[in-house]
């Protein structure tokens, strides 16, 4: 998994797969889900991230 935040564009992207994106759906305004050819989620793109999440440049990782 990879997390990338582009401050200039204010876009947060969480990638779950190295497979190419086959199709994308905007589930809600500014939230785009990317899918592989097999229908698995390849990533999530959040537009205007600083308005959608508390602090898009801060990432915490937890294993439970």
Protein backbone atom coordinates (compact mmCIF):
# COMPACT_ATOMS: atom_id res chain seq x y z
CA UNK A 1 0.00 0.00 0.00
CA UNK A 2 1.21 3.50 -0.86
CA UNK A 3 -0.08 6.87 0.29
CA UNK A 4 0.69 10.05 -1.65
CA UNK A 5 -0.43 13.59 -0.93
CA UNK A 6 0.04 16.26 -3.58
CA UNK A 7 -0.12 19.59 -1.71
CA UNK A 8 -0.14 21.64 -4.89
CA UNK A 9 -3.18 19.84 -6.31
CA UNK A 10 -4.62 19.00 -2.84
CA UNK A 11 -5.12 15.37 -3.82
CA UNK A 12 -4.67 12.39 -1.51
CA UNK A 13 -4.19 9.00 -3.18
CA UNK A 14 -4.09 5.63 -1.44
CA UNK A 15 -2.89 2.84 -3.72
CA UNK A 16 -3.68 -0.78 -2.84
CA UNK A 17 -2.28 -2.46 -5.93
CA UNK A 18 0.48 -2.11 -8.52
CA UNK A 19 -1.92 -3.34 -11.21
CA UNK A 20 -3.03 -0.73 -13.75
CA UNK A 21 -6.32 1.06 -13.23
CA UNK A 22 -8.98 -0.31 -15.56
CA UNK A 23 -11.87 1.96 -14.59
CA UNK A 24 -12.75 4.65 -12.09
CA UNK A 25 -16.01 5.63 -10.41
CA UNK A 26 -16.74 8.81 -8.49
CA UNK A 27 -18.79 7.30 -5.67
CA UNK A 28 -19.36 10.64 -3.96
CA UNK A 29 -18.31 14.10 -5.09
CA UNK A 30 -14.51 14.24 -4.86
CA UNK A 31 -14.06 10.56 -3.88
CA UNK A 32 -12.86 8.41 -6.77
CA UNK A 33 -12.45 4.64 -6.55
CA UNK A 34 -10.07 3.02 -9.03
CA UNK A 35 -10.55 -0.62 -10.02
CA UNK A 36 -8.35 -3.23 -11.68
CA UNK A 37 -9.54 -5.26 -14.67
CA UNK A 38 -10.62 -7.98 -12.18
CA UNK A 39 -12.84 -5.56 -10.25
CA UNK A 40 -10.54 -5.24 -7.23
CA UNK A 41 -9.98 -1.81 -5.69
CA UNK A 42 -6.68 -0.44 -6.95
CA UNK A 43 -6.86 2.86 -5.12
CA UNK A 44 -8.83 5.74 -3.68
CA UNK A 45 -8.35 9.32 -4.81
CA UNK A 46 -9.62 12.16 -2.63
CA UNK A 47 -9.91 15.54 -4.32
CA UNK A 48 -9.73 18.72 -2.21
CA UNK A 49 -8.23 16.50 0.47
CA UNK A 50 -7.58 19.28 2.98
CA UNK A 51 -11.35 19.86 3.13
CA UNK A 52 -12.24 16.15 3.24
CA UNK A 53 -9.82 14.84 5.90
CA UNK A 54 -8.29 16.41 9.00
CA UNK A 55 -4.64 16.54 7.98
CA UNK A 56 -3.89 14.84 4.64
CA UNK A 57 -0.11 15.14 5.08
CA UNK A 58 -0.13 13.14 8.34
CA UNK A 59 -0.24 9.36 8.02
CA UNK A 60 -0.56 6.87 10.85
CA UNK A 61 -0.32 3.13 10.36
CA UNK A 62 -1.62 0.59 12.86
CA UNK A 63 -1.65 -3.18 12.86
CA UNK A 64 -4.27 -4.68 15.14
